N, C-alpha and C. Protein backbone atom coordinates (compact mmCIF):
# COMPACT_ATOMS: atom_id res chain seq x y z
N MET A 1 -158.83 -136.42 -8.75
CA MET A 1 -158.99 -137.32 -9.94
C MET A 1 -160.00 -138.68 -8.48
N PRO A 2 -160.40 -139.49 -9.62
CA PRO A 2 -161.17 -140.60 -8.98
C PRO A 2 -160.00 -141.98 -8.72
N SER A 3 -160.14 -141.81 -7.74
CA SER A 3 -159.00 -142.67 -6.74
C SER A 3 -160.12 -143.81 -5.85
N ARG A 4 -160.20 -145.00 -5.45
CA ARG A 4 -160.28 -145.91 -4.26
C ARG A 4 -158.92 -146.55 -3.70
N GLY A 5 -158.15 -146.41 -4.06
CA GLY A 5 -156.56 -146.89 -3.68
C GLY A 5 -155.39 -146.21 -4.15
N VAL A 6 -154.38 -146.69 -3.72
CA VAL A 6 -153.57 -145.73 -4.08
C VAL A 6 -152.47 -147.43 -3.85
N HIS A 7 -151.04 -147.09 -4.56
CA HIS A 7 -149.99 -147.94 -4.51
C HIS A 7 -148.89 -147.28 -3.93
N MET A 8 -147.80 -147.97 -3.26
CA MET A 8 -146.29 -146.95 -2.81
C MET A 8 -145.14 -147.85 -3.75
N ILE A 9 -145.49 -148.34 -4.89
CA ILE A 9 -144.43 -148.77 -5.48
C ILE A 9 -143.36 -147.93 -6.43
N GLY A 10 -142.44 -148.07 -5.75
CA GLY A 10 -140.84 -147.05 -6.44
C GLY A 10 -141.12 -145.66 -4.83
N MET A 11 -141.96 -145.64 -3.91
CA MET A 11 -141.93 -144.83 -3.28
C MET A 11 -140.90 -145.25 -2.50
N VAL A 12 -140.20 -143.93 -1.82
CA VAL A 12 -139.21 -144.44 -0.37
C VAL A 12 -139.95 -144.06 1.09
N LEU A 13 -140.62 -143.32 0.64
CA LEU A 13 -140.82 -142.87 2.35
C LEU A 13 -142.29 -142.98 2.60
N PRO A 14 -142.65 -143.53 4.10
CA PRO A 14 -144.40 -143.60 4.24
C PRO A 14 -145.25 -142.50 4.43
N ILE A 15 -146.19 -142.71 4.28
CA ILE A 15 -147.34 -142.25 3.53
C ILE A 15 -148.89 -142.37 5.03
N ASP A 16 -150.00 -141.25 5.01
CA ASP A 16 -150.82 -141.26 5.27
C ASP A 16 -151.93 -141.22 4.51
N VAL A 17 -152.64 -141.78 3.61
CA VAL A 17 -153.72 -141.68 2.98
C VAL A 17 -155.37 -141.34 3.57
N LEU A 18 -156.17 -140.42 3.07
CA LEU A 18 -157.54 -139.84 3.28
C LEU A 18 -158.13 -141.06 2.56
N PHE A 19 -159.54 -142.01 2.12
CA PHE A 19 -159.90 -141.62 1.02
C PHE A 19 -161.25 -140.97 1.50
N LEU A 20 -161.43 -139.74 0.42
CA LEU A 20 -162.98 -139.37 0.46
C LEU A 20 -164.52 -139.36 -0.49
N ASP A 21 -165.34 -139.38 0.79
CA ASP A 21 -166.44 -139.77 -0.54
C ASP A 21 -166.95 -138.42 -1.35
N CYS A 22 -168.04 -138.39 -2.30
CA CYS A 22 -167.80 -136.69 -3.58
C CYS A 22 -168.25 -135.75 -2.20
N GLN A 23 -168.91 -135.82 -1.31
CA GLN A 23 -168.85 -135.00 -0.29
C GLN A 23 -167.28 -134.18 0.80
N LYS A 24 -166.34 -135.02 0.59
CA LYS A 24 -165.59 -134.81 0.87
C LYS A 24 -164.84 -135.32 2.97
N SER A 25 -166.78 -136.53 3.06
CA SER A 25 -166.51 -137.18 3.88
C SER A 25 -165.53 -137.67 4.06
N ILE A 26 -164.48 -138.19 4.94
CA ILE A 26 -163.92 -139.26 4.99
C ILE A 26 -164.46 -140.91 5.47
N VAL A 27 -164.10 -141.81 4.28
CA VAL A 27 -164.81 -143.40 4.24
C VAL A 27 -163.83 -144.05 4.50
N ALA A 28 -162.85 -143.75 4.75
CA ALA A 28 -161.57 -144.84 4.91
C ALA A 28 -159.66 -144.25 5.05
N MET A 29 -159.22 -144.94 6.02
CA MET A 29 -158.27 -143.81 6.07
C MET A 29 -156.84 -145.19 5.75
N GLU A 30 -155.43 -145.58 5.71
CA GLU A 30 -154.33 -145.61 5.53
C GLU A 30 -153.40 -145.42 6.13
N GLU A 31 -153.39 -145.79 7.86
CA GLU A 31 -151.73 -144.91 8.27
C GLU A 31 -150.74 -145.78 8.00
N SER A 32 -149.05 -144.80 7.62
CA SER A 32 -148.28 -144.65 7.91
C SER A 32 -148.30 -146.18 6.85
N LEU A 33 -148.52 -145.60 5.80
CA LEU A 33 -148.69 -146.91 4.54
C LEU A 33 -147.30 -146.85 4.01
N GLN A 34 -146.34 -148.16 4.15
CA GLN A 34 -145.01 -148.51 3.89
C GLN A 34 -145.05 -148.50 1.65
N PRO A 35 -143.07 -147.90 1.99
CA PRO A 35 -142.99 -148.13 0.81
C PRO A 35 -143.11 -149.54 -0.23
N PHE A 36 -143.59 -150.27 -1.04
CA PHE A 36 -143.72 -151.03 -2.70
C PHE A 36 -144.91 -151.55 -1.10
N ARG A 37 -146.03 -151.03 -0.79
CA ARG A 37 -147.59 -151.65 -0.43
C ARG A 37 -148.75 -151.08 -1.11
N ILE A 38 -149.62 -151.98 -1.02
CA ILE A 38 -150.57 -151.29 -2.20
C ILE A 38 -151.99 -151.08 -0.95
N SER A 39 -152.72 -149.99 -0.27
CA SER A 39 -153.75 -149.94 0.12
C SER A 39 -155.23 -150.88 -0.35
N GLY A 40 -156.18 -150.92 0.94
CA GLY A 40 -157.39 -151.14 0.66
C GLY A 40 -157.89 -150.36 -0.93
N ILE A 41 -158.98 -151.17 -1.27
CA ILE A 41 -159.65 -150.40 -2.58
C ILE A 41 -160.88 -150.40 -1.66
N HIS A 42 -161.76 -149.41 -1.76
CA HIS A 42 -162.27 -148.38 -0.76
C HIS A 42 -163.57 -148.12 -1.90
N GLN A 43 -164.82 -148.89 -1.82
CA GLN A 43 -165.50 -148.80 -3.51
C GLN A 43 -166.21 -147.29 -2.98
N GLU A 44 -166.34 -146.91 -1.40
CA GLU A 44 -167.04 -146.07 -1.23
C GLU A 44 -166.41 -144.69 -1.85
N ALA A 45 -164.81 -144.76 -1.31
CA ALA A 45 -164.67 -144.23 -1.84
C ALA A 45 -165.09 -142.79 -3.19
N ARG A 46 -164.54 -141.66 -3.77
CA ARG A 46 -164.25 -140.84 -4.94
C ARG A 46 -162.92 -140.48 -4.99
N THR A 47 -161.92 -140.22 -4.04
CA THR A 47 -160.44 -139.67 -4.69
C THR A 47 -159.96 -140.07 -3.07
N ALA A 48 -158.76 -140.42 -2.92
CA ALA A 48 -157.58 -140.24 -2.47
C ALA A 48 -156.91 -139.04 -2.04
N LEU A 49 -156.74 -138.54 -0.86
CA LEU A 49 -155.34 -137.54 -0.21
C LEU A 49 -154.15 -137.98 0.31
N GLU A 50 -153.22 -137.93 -0.15
CA GLU A 50 -151.81 -138.58 0.13
C GLU A 50 -151.59 -137.25 1.16
N LEU A 51 -151.03 -137.82 2.46
CA LEU A 51 -150.40 -136.38 3.39
C LEU A 51 -149.22 -137.27 4.15
N PRO A 52 -148.30 -136.23 4.65
CA PRO A 52 -146.54 -136.46 5.25
C PRO A 52 -147.35 -137.97 5.83
N VAL A 53 -146.68 -138.61 6.56
CA VAL A 53 -146.37 -139.52 7.50
C VAL A 53 -147.42 -138.89 9.24
N HIS A 54 -148.08 -139.35 9.60
CA HIS A 54 -148.23 -139.19 11.26
C HIS A 54 -149.18 -137.66 11.07
N THR A 55 -149.65 -137.54 9.86
CA THR A 55 -151.01 -136.12 9.75
C THR A 55 -152.19 -137.07 10.40
N ILE A 56 -152.59 -138.20 10.44
CA ILE A 56 -154.03 -138.52 10.56
C ILE A 56 -153.20 -138.71 12.42
N ARG A 57 -152.28 -138.77 12.95
CA ARG A 57 -152.47 -139.12 14.30
C ARG A 57 -152.64 -137.73 15.01
N TRP A 58 -151.58 -136.78 14.34
CA TRP A 58 -151.42 -135.80 15.19
C TRP A 58 -152.01 -134.46 14.92
N THR A 59 -153.32 -134.63 13.89
CA THR A 59 -155.01 -133.93 13.65
C THR A 59 -156.04 -134.35 14.53
N GLY A 60 -155.76 -135.72 14.69
CA GLY A 60 -157.19 -137.07 15.29
C GLY A 60 -157.98 -136.66 14.17
N THR A 61 -158.15 -136.69 13.20
CA THR A 61 -159.15 -137.03 12.68
C THR A 61 -159.21 -138.62 12.53
N ARG A 62 -160.75 -138.73 11.71
CA ARG A 62 -161.12 -139.70 12.52
C ARG A 62 -162.56 -139.83 10.87
N VAL A 63 -162.44 -141.24 10.70
CA VAL A 63 -163.89 -141.62 9.42
C VAL A 63 -165.10 -140.83 10.23
N GLY A 64 -165.74 -140.02 8.86
CA GLY A 64 -166.66 -139.50 8.95
C GLY A 64 -166.64 -138.01 8.94
N ASP A 65 -165.40 -138.14 9.45
CA ASP A 65 -165.20 -136.51 9.53
C ASP A 65 -165.71 -135.87 7.82
N ARG A 66 -165.95 -134.27 8.16
CA ARG A 66 -165.24 -134.07 6.39
C ARG A 66 -164.50 -132.59 6.48
N LEU A 67 -164.06 -133.05 5.37
CA LEU A 67 -162.68 -132.09 5.16
C LEU A 67 -163.37 -130.71 4.09
N GLU A 68 -162.57 -129.43 4.75
CA GLU A 68 -163.37 -128.29 4.03
C GLU A 68 -161.77 -127.80 3.21
N ILE A 69 -161.76 -128.26 2.02
CA ILE A 69 -160.26 -128.05 1.42
C ILE A 69 -160.41 -126.39 0.42
N ALA A 70 -159.77 -125.70 0.79
CA ALA A 70 -159.67 -124.47 -0.29
C ALA A 70 -158.74 -123.93 -0.76
N PRO A 71 -158.10 -122.96 -1.94
CA PRO A 71 -157.36 -122.82 -2.26
C PRO A 71 -156.84 -121.75 -1.18
N VAL A 72 -154.87 -121.76 -1.23
CA VAL A 72 -154.38 -120.83 -0.24
C VAL A 72 -154.40 -119.42 -0.92
N ALA A 73 -154.66 -118.29 -0.35
CA ALA A 73 -154.44 -117.32 -0.85
C ALA A 73 -153.24 -116.45 -0.83
């Protein structure tokens, strides 16, 4: 779904968020976004991918990386 920002209103745990363009390249990241906070708005983003907290750090993900998203068989 289109998304250029996310909010954490009503959430109880922090998350990591990747903002992707239409080619699934990372254009921005929010690490450890805390409950009751709002991310920045990223005009170049088409969608946001919400991940468990610390995923960005553990995977070494960087702005400019391109994701491959495929169904699990």
